[in-house]
């Protein structure tokens, strides 16, 4: 995924504000099962909130690993929540328009 601009990240954070977490990542971290669930959630919704366990440094590492393994953009982290976005490959099924990069 291409890097998100600050304007795009801001828009995605505002869109994610009302969302409930779609996934919880516990102390075991990013397992294959978690990565698959995240991939499925991103394919269905494009924008996903993930609740993370651990201290601040662990959460930052986990959020980065989730983005890397799912080929998603990290729109930001707020407390224990990470906001991930991956554009749907089919233009007809895209729900979020970020405009030009």
PDB file of N, CA and C in Angstrom:
ATOM      1  N   UNK A   1       0.852  -1.181   0.000  1.00  0.00           N
ATOM      2  CA  UNK A   1       0.000   0.000   0.000  1.00  0.00           C
ATOM      3  C   UNK A   1       0.887   1.230   0.000  1.00  0.00           C
ATOM      4  N   UNK A   2       0.469   2.229  -0.741  1.00  0.00           N
ATOM      5  CA  UNK A   2       1.217   3.476  -0.736  1.00  0.00           C
ATOM      6  C   UNK A   2       1.000   4.189   0.589  1.00  0.00           C
ATOM      7  N   UNK A   3       1.926   5.013   0.955  1.00  0.00           N
ATOM      8  CA  UNK A   3       1.849   5.742   2.220  1.00  0.00           C
ATOM      9  C   UNK A   3       0.694   6.742   2.170  1.00  0.00           C
ATOM     10  N   UNK A   4      -0.018   6.846   3.263  1.00  0.00           N
ATOM     11  CA  UNK A   4      -1.136   7.782   3.358  1.00  0.00           C
ATOM     12  C   UNK A   4      -0.615   9.176   3.670  1.00  0.00           C
ATOM     13  N   UNK A   5      -1.239  10.190   3.078  1.00  0.00           N
ATOM     14  CA  UNK A   5      -0.878  11.564   3.396  1.00  0.00           C
ATOM     15  C   UNK A   5      -1.505  11.948   4.730  1.00  0.00           C
ATOM     16  N   UNK A   6      -1.054  13.039   5.306  1.00  0.00           N
ATOM     17  CA  UNK A   6      -1.606  13.462   6.595  1.00  0.00           C
ATOM     18  C   UNK A   6      -3.090  13.819   6.464  1.00  0.00           C
ATOM     19  N   UNK A   7      -3.485  14.378   5.346  1.00  0.00           N
ATOM     20  CA  UNK A   7      -4.890  14.705   5.117  1.00  0.00           C
ATOM     21  C   UNK A   7      -5.739  13.438   5.044  1.00  0.00           C
ATOM     22  N   UNK A   8      -5.231  12.422   4.354  1.00  0.00           N
ATOM     23  CA  UNK A   8      -5.942  11.144   4.256  1.00  0.00           C
ATOM     24  C   UNK A   8      -6.040  10.463   5.623  1.00  0.00           C
ATOM     25  N   UNK A   9      -4.942  10.469   6.384  1.00  0.00           N
ATOM     26  CA  UNK A   9      -4.967   9.871   7.723  1.00  0.00           C
ATOM     27  C   UNK A   9      -5.984  10.579   8.611  1.00  0.00           C
ATOM     28  N   UNK A  10      -6.031  11.889   8.531  1.00  0.00           N
ATOM     29  CA  UNK A  10      -6.986  12.653   9.326  1.00  0.00           C
ATOM     30  C   UNK A  10      -8.423  12.304   8.957  1.00  0.00           C
ATOM     31  N   UNK A  11      -8.693  12.207   7.665  1.00  0.00           N
ATOM     32  CA  UNK A  11     -10.045  11.845   7.211  1.00  0.00           C
ATOM     33  C   UNK A  11     -10.417  10.441   7.677  1.00  0.00           C
ATOM     34  N   UNK A  12      -9.499   9.505   7.567  1.00  0.00           N
ATOM     35  CA  UNK A  12      -9.773   8.135   7.995  1.00  0.00           C
ATOM     36  C   UNK A  12     -10.007   8.053   9.502  1.00  0.00           C
ATOM     37  N   UNK A  13      -9.245   8.794  10.285  1.00  0.00           N
ATOM     38  CA  UNK A  13      -9.465   8.801  11.744  1.00  0.00           C
ATOM     39  C   UNK A  13     -10.844   9.350  12.074  1.00  0.00           C
ATOM     40  N   UNK A  14     -11.278  10.372  11.346  1.00  0.00           N
ATOM     41  CA  UNK A  14     -12.609  10.927  11.618  1.00  0.00           C
ATOM     42  C   UNK A  14     -13.703   9.939  11.214  1.00  0.00           C
ATOM     43  N   UNK A  15     -13.501   9.218  10.119  1.00  0.00           N
ATOM     44  CA  UNK A  15     -14.487   8.210   9.702  1.00  0.00           C
ATOM     45  C   UNK A  15     -14.525   7.032  10.681  1.00  0.00           C
ATOM     46  N   UNK A  16     -13.404   6.726  11.300  1.00  0.00           N
ATOM     47  CA  UNK A  16     -13.326   5.579  12.205  1.00  0.00           C
ATOM     48  C   UNK A  16     -13.815   5.905  13.612  1.00  0.00           C
ATOM     49  N   UNK A  17     -14.047   7.167  13.890  1.00  0.00           N
ATOM     50  CA  UNK A  17     -14.407   7.574  15.250  1.00  0.00           C
ATOM     51  C   UNK A  17     -15.602   6.794  15.799  1.00  0.00           C
ATOM     52  N   UNK A  18     -16.617   6.605  15.007  1.00  0.00           N
ATOM     53  CA  UNK A  18     -17.842   5.951  15.486  1.00  0.00           C
ATOM     54  C   UNK A  18     -17.785   4.422  15.405  1.00  0.00           C
ATOM     55  N   UNK A  19     -16.748   3.874  14.796  1.00  0.00           N
ATOM     56  CA  UNK A  19     -16.658   2.423  14.624  1.00  0.00           C
ATOM     57  C   UNK A  19     -16.301   1.707  15.929  1.00  0.00           C
ATOM     58  N   UNK A  20     -16.828   0.511  16.087  1.00  0.00           N
ATOM     59  CA  UNK A  20     -16.423  -0.361  17.180  1.00  0.00           C
ATOM     60  C   UNK A  20     -15.234  -1.189  16.700  1.00  0.00           C
ATOM     61  N   UNK A  21     -14.393  -1.647  17.630  1.00  0.00           N
ATOM     62  CA  UNK A  21     -13.262  -2.484  17.207  1.00  0.00           C
ATOM     63  C   UNK A  21     -13.754  -3.763  16.521  1.00  0.00           C
ATOM     64  N   UNK A  22     -13.156  -4.076  15.393  1.00  0.00           N
ATOM     65  CA  UNK A  22     -13.517  -5.280  14.645  1.00  0.00           C
ATOM     66  C   UNK A  22     -12.669  -6.457  15.083  1.00  0.00           C
ATOM     67  N   UNK A  23     -11.584  -6.174  15.792  1.00  0.00           N
ATOM     68  CA  UNK A  23     -10.626  -7.208  16.131  1.00  0.00           C
ATOM     69  C   UNK A  23      -9.909  -6.816  17.418  1.00  0.00           C
ATOM     70  N   UNK A  24      -9.567  -7.809  18.216  1.00  0.00           N
ATOM     71  CA  UNK A  24      -8.803  -7.603  19.437  1.00  0.00           C
ATOM     72  C   UNK A  24      -7.514  -8.397  19.340  1.00  0.00           C
ATOM     73  N   UNK A  25      -6.389  -7.743  19.599  1.00  0.00           N
ATOM     74  CA  UNK A  25      -5.096  -8.412  19.585  1.00  0.00           C
ATOM     75  C   UNK A  25      -4.612  -8.472  21.026  1.00  0.00           C
ATOM     76  N   UNK A  26      -4.460  -9.694  21.542  1.00  0.00           N
ATOM     77  CA  UNK A  26      -4.060  -9.895  22.928  1.00  0.00           C
ATOM     78  C   UNK A  26      -2.557  -9.921  23.112  1.00  0.00           C
ATOM     79  N   UNK A  27      -2.140 -10.416  24.245  1.00  0.00           N
ATOM     80  CA  UNK A  27      -0.721 -10.465  24.596  1.00  0.00           C
ATOM     81  C   UNK A  27       0.093 -11.377  23.684  1.00  0.00           C
ATOM     82  N   UNK A  28      -0.561 -12.323  23.013  1.00  0.00           N
ATOM     83  CA  UNK A  28       0.175 -13.218  22.114  1.00  0.00           C
ATOM     84  C   UNK A  28       0.637 -12.501  20.858  1.00  0.00           C
ATOM     85  N   UNK A  29       0.104 -11.340  20.602  1.00  0.00           N
ATOM     86  CA  UNK A  29       0.525 -10.550  19.454  1.00  0.00           C
ATOM     87  C   UNK A  29      -0.172 -10.958  18.173  1.00  0.00           C
ATOM     88  N   UNK A  30       0.494 -10.702  17.065  1.00  0.00           N
ATOM     89  CA  UNK A  30      -0.089 -10.944  15.747  1.00  0.00           C
ATOM     90  C   UNK A  30       0.197 -12.386  15.331  1.00  0.00           C
ATOM     91  N   UNK A  31      -0.798 -13.224  15.469  1.00  0.00           N
ATOM     92  CA  UNK A  31      -0.691 -14.614  15.034  1.00  0.00           C
ATOM     93  C   UNK A  31      -1.230 -14.727  13.615  1.00  0.00           C
ATOM     94  N   UNK A  32      -1.079 -15.891  13.019  1.00  0.00           N
ATOM     95  CA  UNK A  32      -1.620 -16.102  11.675  1.00  0.00           C
ATOM     96  C   UNK A  32      -3.138 -15.953  11.657  1.00  0.00           C
ATOM     97  N   UNK A  33      -3.794 -16.416  12.722  1.00  0.00           N
ATOM     98  CA  UNK A  33      -5.254 -16.303  12.810  1.00  0.00           C
ATOM     99  C   UNK A  33      -5.685 -14.842  12.887  1.00  0.00           C
ATOM    100  N   UNK A  34      -4.964 -14.037  13.649  1.00  0.00           N
ATOM    101  CA  UNK A  34      -5.276 -12.606  13.760  1.00  0.00           C
ATOM    102  C   UNK A  34      -5.076 -11.931  12.404  1.00  0.00           C
ATOM    103  N   UNK A  35      -3.982 -12.265  11.732  1.00  0.00           N
ATOM    104  CA  UNK A  35      -3.708 -11.672  10.423  1.00  0.00           C
ATOM    105  C   UNK A  35      -4.801 -12.027   9.415  1.00  0.00           C
ATOM    106  N   UNK A  36      -5.280 -13.258   9.450  1.00  0.00           N
ATOM    107  CA  UNK A  36      -6.351 -13.672   8.539  1.00  0.00           C
ATOM    108  C   UNK A  36      -7.650 -12.937   8.845  1.00  0.00           C
ATOM    109  N   UNK A  37      -7.997 -12.821  10.126  1.00  0.00           N
ATOM    110  CA  UNK A  37      -9.207 -12.091  10.515  1.00  0.00           C
ATOM    111  C   UNK A  37      -9.132 -10.634  10.076  1.00  0.00           C
ATOM    112  N   UNK A  38      -7.973 -10.025  10.243  1.00  0.00           N
ATOM    113  CA  UNK A  38      -7.805  -8.641   9.825  1.00  0.00           C
ATOM    114  C   UNK A  38      -7.938  -8.521   8.313  1.00  0.00           C
ATOM    115  N   UNK A  39      -7.353  -9.447   7.586  1.00  0.00           N
ATOM    116  CA  UNK A  39      -7.453  -9.434   6.127  1.00  0.00           C
ATOM    117  C   UNK A  39      -8.917  -9.529   5.693  1.00  0.00           C
ATOM    118  N   UNK A  40      -9.673 -10.422   6.332  1.00  0.00           N
ATOM    119  CA  UNK A  40     -11.098 -10.567   6.011  1.00  0.00           C
ATOM    120  C   UNK A  40     -11.875  -9.298   6.338  1.00  0.00           C
ATOM    121  N   UNK A  41     -11.580  -8.687   7.493  1.00  0.00           N
ATOM    122  CA  UNK A  41     -12.286  -7.469   7.904  1.00  0.00           C
ATOM    123  C   UNK A  41     -11.985  -6.314   6.952  1.00  0.00           C
ATOM    124  N   UNK A  42     -10.731  -6.182   6.535  1.00  0.00           N
ATOM    125  CA  UNK A  42     -10.368  -5.119   5.596  1.00  0.00           C
ATOM    126  C   UNK A  42     -11.004  -5.333   4.226  1.00  0.00           C
ATOM    127  N   UNK A  43     -11.109  -6.584   3.808  1.00  0.00           N
ATOM    128  CA  UNK A  43     -11.749  -6.877   2.523  1.00  0.00           C
ATOM    129  C   UNK A  43     -13.230  -6.516   2.558  1.00  0.00           C
ATOM    130  N   UNK A  44     -13.851  -6.670   3.711  1.00  0.00           N
ATOM    131  CA  UNK A  44     -15.278  -6.385   3.838  1.00  0.00           C
ATOM    132  C   UNK A  44     -15.558  -4.904   4.070  1.00  0.00           C
ATOM    133  N   UNK A  45     -14.695  -4.222   4.824  1.00  0.00           N
ATOM    134  CA  UNK A  45     -15.017  -2.857   5.265  1.00  0.00           C
ATOM    135  C   UNK A  45     -14.071  -1.762   4.818  1.00  0.00           C
ATOM    136  N   UNK A  46     -12.864  -2.085   4.447  1.00  0.00           N
ATOM    137  CA  UNK A  46     -11.803  -1.143   4.076  1.00  0.00           C
ATOM    138  C   UNK A  46     -11.202  -0.419   5.277  1.00  0.00           C
ATOM    139  N   UNK A  47     -11.995  -0.004   6.223  1.00  0.00           N
ATOM    140  CA  UNK A  47     -11.520   0.752   7.388  1.00  0.00           C
ATOM    141  C   UNK A  47     -11.869  -0.025   8.648  1.00  0.00           C
ATOM    142  N   UNK A  48     -10.851  -0.316   9.470  1.00  0.00           N
ATOM    143  CA  UNK A  48     -11.046  -1.191  10.624  1.00  0.00           C
ATOM    144  C   UNK A  48     -10.336  -0.613  11.838  1.00  0.00           C
ATOM    145  N   UNK A  49     -11.005  -0.699  12.970  1.00  0.00           N
ATOM    146  CA  UNK A  49     -10.391  -0.376  14.253  1.00  0.00           C
ATOM    147  C   UNK A  49      -9.972  -1.677  14.920  1.00  0.00           C
ATOM    148  N   UNK A  50      -8.784  -1.693  15.496  1.00  0.00           N
ATOM    149  CA  UNK A  50      -8.268  -2.872  16.185  1.00  0.00           C
ATOM    150  C   UNK A  50      -7.848  -2.459  17.589  1.00  0.00           C
ATOM    151  N   UNK A  51      -8.317  -3.198  18.584  1.00  0.00           N
ATOM    152  CA  UNK A  51      -7.931  -2.921  19.969  1.00  0.00           C
ATOM    153  C   UNK A  51      -6.699  -3.741  20.300  1.00  0.00           C
ATOM    154  N   UNK A  52      -5.693  -3.085  20.874  1.00  0.00           N
ATOM    155  CA  UNK A  52      -4.404  -3.706  21.132  1.00  0.00           C
ATOM    156  C   UNK A  52      -4.130  -3.819  22.624  1.00  0.00           C
ATOM    157  N   UNK A  53      -3.454  -4.894  23.008  1.00  0.00           N
ATOM    158  CA  UNK A  53      -3.029  -5.087  24.395  1.00  0.00           C
ATOM    159  C   UNK A  53      -1.553  -4.719  24.505  1.00  0.00           C
ATOM    160  N   UNK A  54      -1.102  -4.530  25.730  1.00  0.00           N
ATOM    161  CA  UNK A  54       0.317  -4.265  25.964  1.00  0.00           C
ATOM    162  C   UNK A  54       0.582  -2.811  26.298  1.00  0.00           C
ATOM    163  N   UNK A  55       1.870  -2.521  26.557  1.00  0.00           N
ATOM    164  CA  UNK A  55       2.235  -1.139  26.865  1.00  0.00           C
ATOM    165  C   UNK A  55       2.396  -0.346  25.569  1.00  0.00           C
ATOM    166  N   UNK A  56       2.732   0.910  25.688  1.00  0.00           N
ATOM    167  CA  UNK A  56       2.773   1.809  24.530  1.00  0.00           C
ATOM    168  C   UNK A  56       3.716   1.316  23.438  1.00  0.00           C
ATOM    169  N   UNK A  57       4.917   0.893  23.815  1.00  0.00           N
ATOM    170  CA  UNK A  57       5.874   0.426  22.804  1.00  0.00           C
ATOM    171  C   UNK A  57       5.398  -0.853  22.126  1.00  0.00           C
ATOM    172  N   UNK A  58       4.837  -1.767  22.900  1.00  0.00           N
ATOM    173  CA  UNK A  58       4.304  -3.005  22.326  1.00  0.00           C
ATOM    174  C   UNK A  58       3.175  -2.698  21.346  1.00  0.00           C
ATOM    175  N   UNK A  59       2.281  -1.791  21.736  1.00  0.00           N
ATOM    176  CA  UNK A  59       1.148  -1.454  20.866  1.00  0.00           C
ATOM    177  C   UNK A  59       1.621  -0.831  19.563  1.00  0.00           C
ATOM    178  N   UNK A  60       2.633   0.025  19.633  1.00  0.00           N
ATOM    179  CA  UNK A  60       3.159   0.648  18.414  1.00  0.00           C
ATOM    180  C   UNK A  60       3.753  -0.409  17.490  1.00  0.00           C
ATOM    181  N   UNK A  61       4.485  -1.342  18.050  1.00  0.00           N
ATOM    182  CA  UNK A  61       5.060  -2.417  17.249  1.00  0.00           C
ATOM    183  C   UNK A  61       3.998  -3.318  16.657  1.00  0.00           C
ATOM    184  N   UNK A  62       2.978  -3.630  17.458  1.00  0.00           N
ATOM    185  CA  UNK A  62       1.892  -4.481  16.986  1.00  0.00           C
ATOM    186  C   UNK A  62       1.120  -3.800  15.863  1.00  0.00           C
ATOM    187  N   UNK A  63       0.846  -2.510  16.002  1.00  0.00           N
ATOM    188  CA  UNK A  63       0.121  -1.771  14.961  1.00  0.00           C
ATOM    189  C   UNK A  63       0.911  -1.766  13.656  1.00  0.00           C
ATOM    190  N   UNK A  64       2.212  -1.548  13.738  1.00  0.00           N
ATOM    191  CA  UNK A  64       3.048  -1.575  12.547  1.00  0.00           C
ATOM    192  C   UNK A  64       3.082  -2.947  11.894  1.00  0.00           C
ATOM    193  N   UNK A  65       3.149  -3.990  12.725  1.00  0.00           N
ATOM    194  CA  UNK A  65       3.166  -5.347  12.185  1.00  0.00           C
ATOM    195  C   UNK A  65       1.839  -5.697  11.518  1.00  0.00           C
ATOM    196  N   UNK A  66       0.726  -5.263  12.121  1.00  0.00           N
ATOM    197  CA  UNK A  66      -0.590  -5.500  11.508  1.00  0.00           C
ATOM    198  C   UNK A  66      -0.669  -4.843  10.135  1.00  0.00           C
ATOM    199  N   UNK A  67      -0.208  -3.604  10.055  1.00  0.00           N
ATOM    200  CA  UNK A  67      -0.243  -2.883   8.775  1.00  0.00           C
ATOM    201  C   UNK A  67       0.630  -3.584   7.742  1.00  0.00           C
ATOM    202  N   UNK A  68       1.803  -4.012   8.155  1.00  0.00           N
ATOM    203  CA  UNK A  68       2.723  -4.669   7.225  1.00  0.00           C
ATOM    204  C   UNK A  68       2.167  -5.999   6.731  1.00  0.00           C
ATOM    205  N   UNK A  69       1.660  -6.822   7.654  1.00  0.00           N
ATOM    206  CA  UNK A  69       1.175  -8.154   7.267  1.00  0.00           C
ATOM    207  C   UNK A  69      -0.113  -8.109   6.452  1.00  0.00           C
ATOM    208  N   UNK A  70      -0.900  -7.047   6.620  1.00  0.00           N
ATOM    209  CA  UNK A  70      -2.164  -6.963   5.884  1.00  0.00           C
ATOM    210  C   UNK A  70      -2.068  -6.058   4.661  1.00  0.00           C
ATOM    211  N   UNK A  71      -0.882  -5.482   4.427  1.00  0.00           N
ATOM    212  CA  UNK A  71      -0.676  -4.551   3.316  1.00  0.00           C
ATOM    213  C   UNK A  71      -1.680  -3.399   3.406  1.00  0.00           C
ATOM    214  N   UNK A  72      -1.832  -2.882   4.613  1.00  0.00           N
ATOM    215  CA  UNK A  72      -2.771  -1.790   4.868  1.00  0.00           C
ATOM    216  C   UNK A  72      -2.000  -0.551   5.315  1.00  0.00           C
ATOM    217  N   UNK A  73      -2.667   0.582   5.226  1.00  0.00           N
ATOM    218  CA  UNK A  73      -2.095   1.817   5.718  1.00  0.00           C
ATOM    219  C   UNK A  73      -2.531   2.036   7.152  1.00  0.00           C
ATOM    220  N   UNK A  74      -1.604   2.459   7.991  1.00  0.00           N
ATOM    221  CA  UNK A  74      -1.912   2.763   9.386  1.00  0.00           C
ATOM    222  C   UNK A  74      -2.344   4.226   9.447  1.00  0.00           C
ATOM    223  N   UNK A  75      -3.642   4.443   9.659  1.00  0.00           N
ATOM    224  CA  UNK A  75      -4.174   5.807   9.708  1.00  0.00           C
ATOM    225  C   UNK A  75      -3.829   6.474  11.031  1.00  0.00           C
ATOM    226  N   UNK A  76      -3.576   5.684  12.052  1.00  0.00           N
ATOM    227  CA  UNK A  76      -3.179   6.250  13.330  1.00  0.00           C
ATOM    228  C   UNK A  76      -3.497   5.316  14.474  1.00  0.00           C
ATOM    229  N   UNK A  77      -3.005   5.718  15.633  1.00  0.00           N
ATOM    230  CA  UNK A  77      -3.321   4.999  16.859  1.00  0.00           C
ATOM    231  C   UNK A  77      -3.846   6.017  17.852  1.00  0.00           C
ATOM    232  N   UNK A  78      -4.867   5.608  18.581  1.00  0.00           N
ATOM    233  CA  UNK A  78      -5.452   6.458  19.615  1.00  0.00           C
ATOM    234  C   UNK A  78      -5.600   5.589  20.849  1.00  0.00           C
ATOM    235  N   UNK A  79      -4.763   5.815  21.831  1.00  0.00           N
ATOM    236  CA  UNK A  79      -4.803   4.981  23.022  1.00  0.00           C
ATOM    237  C   UNK A  79      -4.500   3.538  22.683  1.00  0.00           C
ATOM    238  N   UNK A  80      -5.427   2.661  22.956  1.00  0.00           N
ATOM    239  CA  UNK A  80      -5.248   1.232  22.667  1.00  0.00           C
ATOM    240  C   UNK A  80      -5.826   0.823  21.315  1.00  0.00           C
ATOM    241  N   UNK A  81      -6.252   1.780  20.520  1.00  0.00           N
ATOM    242  CA  UNK A  81      -6.857   1.489  19.216  1.00  0.00           C
ATOM    243  C   UNK A  81      -5.902   1.830  18.077  1.00  0.00           C
ATOM    244  N   UNK A  82      -5.864   0.942  17.093  1.00  0.00           N
ATOM    245  CA  UNK A  82      -5.151   1.206  15.846  1.00  0.00           C
ATOM    246  C   UNK A  82      -6.205   1.271  14.741  1.00  0.00           C
ATOM    247  N   UNK A  83      -6.029   2.193  13.813  1.00  0.00           N
ATOM    248  CA  UNK A  83      -6.958   2.369  12.710  1.00  0.00           C
ATOM    249  C   UNK A  83      -6.217   2.015  11.424  1.00  0.00           C
ATOM    250  N   UNK A  84      -6.734   1.003  10.737  1.00  0.00           N
ATOM    251  CA  UNK A  84      -6.093   0.494   9.526  1.00  0.00           C
ATOM    252  C   UNK A  84      -7.020   0.656   8.327  1.00  0.00           C
ATOM    253  N   UNK A  85      -6.435   0.968   7.179  1.00  0.00           N
ATOM    254  CA  UNK A  85      -7.208   1.164   5.957  1.00  0.00           C
ATOM    255  C   UNK A  85      -6.517   0.443   4.798  1.00  0.00           C
ATOM    256  N   UNK A  86      -7.316  -0.260   4.027  1.00  0.00           N
ATOM    257  CA  UNK A  86      -6.829  -0.853   2.777  1.00  0.00           C
ATOM    258  C   UNK A  86      -7.928  -0.693   1.739  1.00  0.00           C
ATOM    259  N   UNK A  87      -7.605  -0.009   0.650  1.00  0.00           N
ATOM    260  CA  UNK A  87      -8.576   0.236  -0.410  1.00  0.00           C
ATOM    261  C   UNK A  87      -8.965  -1.073  -1.077  1.00  0.00           C
ATOM    262  N   UNK A  88     -10.260  -1.227  -1.334  1.00  0.00           N
ATOM    263  CA  UNK A  88     -10.757  -2.441  -1.993  1.00  0.00           C
ATOM    264  C   UNK A  88     -10.261  -2.447  -3.429  1.00  0.00           C
ATOM    265  N   UNK A  89      -9.790  -3.602  -3.916  1.00  0.00           N
ATOM    266  CA  UNK A  89      -9.265  -3.648  -5.287  1.00  0.00           C
ATOM    267  C   UNK A  89     -10.331  -3.441  -6.373  1.00  0.00           C
ATOM    268  N   UNK A  90     -11.587  -3.736  -6.067  1.00  0.00           N
ATOM    269  CA  UNK A  90     -12.669  -3.576  -7.044  1.00  0.00           C
ATOM    270  C   UNK A  90     -13.279  -2.177  -6.888  1.00  0.00           C
ATOM    271  N   UNK A  91     -13.150  -1.309  -7.890  1.00  0.00           N
ATOM    272  CA  UNK A  91     -13.687   0.055  -7.782  1.00  0.00           C
ATOM    273  C   UNK A  91     -15.181   0.099  -7.467  1.00  0.00           C
ATOM    274  N   UNK A  92     -15.937  -0.878  -7.915  1.00  0.00           N
ATOM    275  CA  UNK A  92     -17.382  -0.885  -7.665  1.00  0.00           C
ATOM    276  C   UNK A  92     -17.703  -1.156  -6.192  1.00  0.00           C
ATOM    277  N   UNK A  93     -16.791  -1.781  -5.468  1.00  0.00           N
ATOM    278  CA  UNK A  93     -17.046  -2.135  -4.071  1.00  0.00           C
ATOM    279  C   UNK A  93     -16.380  -1.190  -3.079  1.00  0.00           C
ATOM    280  N   UNK A  94     -15.742  -0.153  -3.561  1.00  0.00           N
ATOM    281  CA  UNK A  94     -15.072   0.806  -2.672  1.00  0.00           C
ATOM    282  C   UNK A  94     -16.110   1.642  -1.942  1.00  0.00           C
ATOM    283  N   UNK A  95     -15.922   1.786  -0.655  1.00  0.00           N
ATOM    284  CA  UNK A  95     -16.861   2.535   0.184  1.00  0.00           C
ATOM    285  C   UNK A  95     -16.295   3.899   0.591  1.00  0.00           C
ATOM    286  N   UNK A  96     -14.989   4.034   0.553  1.00  0.00           N
ATOM    287  CA  UNK A  96     -14.335   5.255   1.019  1.00  0.00           C
ATOM    288  C   UNK A  96     -13.562   5.869  -0.130  1.00  0.00           C
ATOM    289  N   UNK A  97     -13.814   7.139  -0.384  1.00  0.00           N
ATOM    290  CA  UNK A  97     -13.085   7.857  -1.422  1.00  0.00           C
ATOM    291  C   UNK A  97     -12.152   8.854  -0.753  1.00  0.00           C
ATOM    292  N   UNK A  98     -10.868   8.625  -0.887  1.00  0.00           N
ATOM    293  CA  UNK A  98      -9.876   9.531  -0.292  1.00  0.00           C
ATOM    294  C   UNK A  98      -9.398  10.576  -1.274  1.00  0.00           C
ATOM    295  N   UNK A  99      -9.852  10.477  -2.496  1.00  0.00           N
ATOM    296  CA  UNK A  99      -9.389  11.422  -3.506  1.00  0.00           C
ATOM    297  C   UNK A  99      -7.995  11.072  -3.971  1.00  0.00           C
ATOM    298  N   UNK A 100      -7.371  11.988  -4.709  1.00  0.00           N
ATOM    299  CA  UNK A 100      -6.014  11.708  -5.199  1.00  0.00           C
ATOM    300  C   UNK A 100      -5.024  11.721  -4.031  1.00  0.00           C
ATOM    301  N   UNK A 101      -3.967  10.924  -4.153  1.00  0.00           N
ATOM    302  CA  UNK A 101      -2.971  10.866  -3.063  1.00  0.00           C
ATOM    303  C   UNK A 101      -2.202  12.140  -2.876  1.00  0.00           C
TER     304      UNK A 101
END
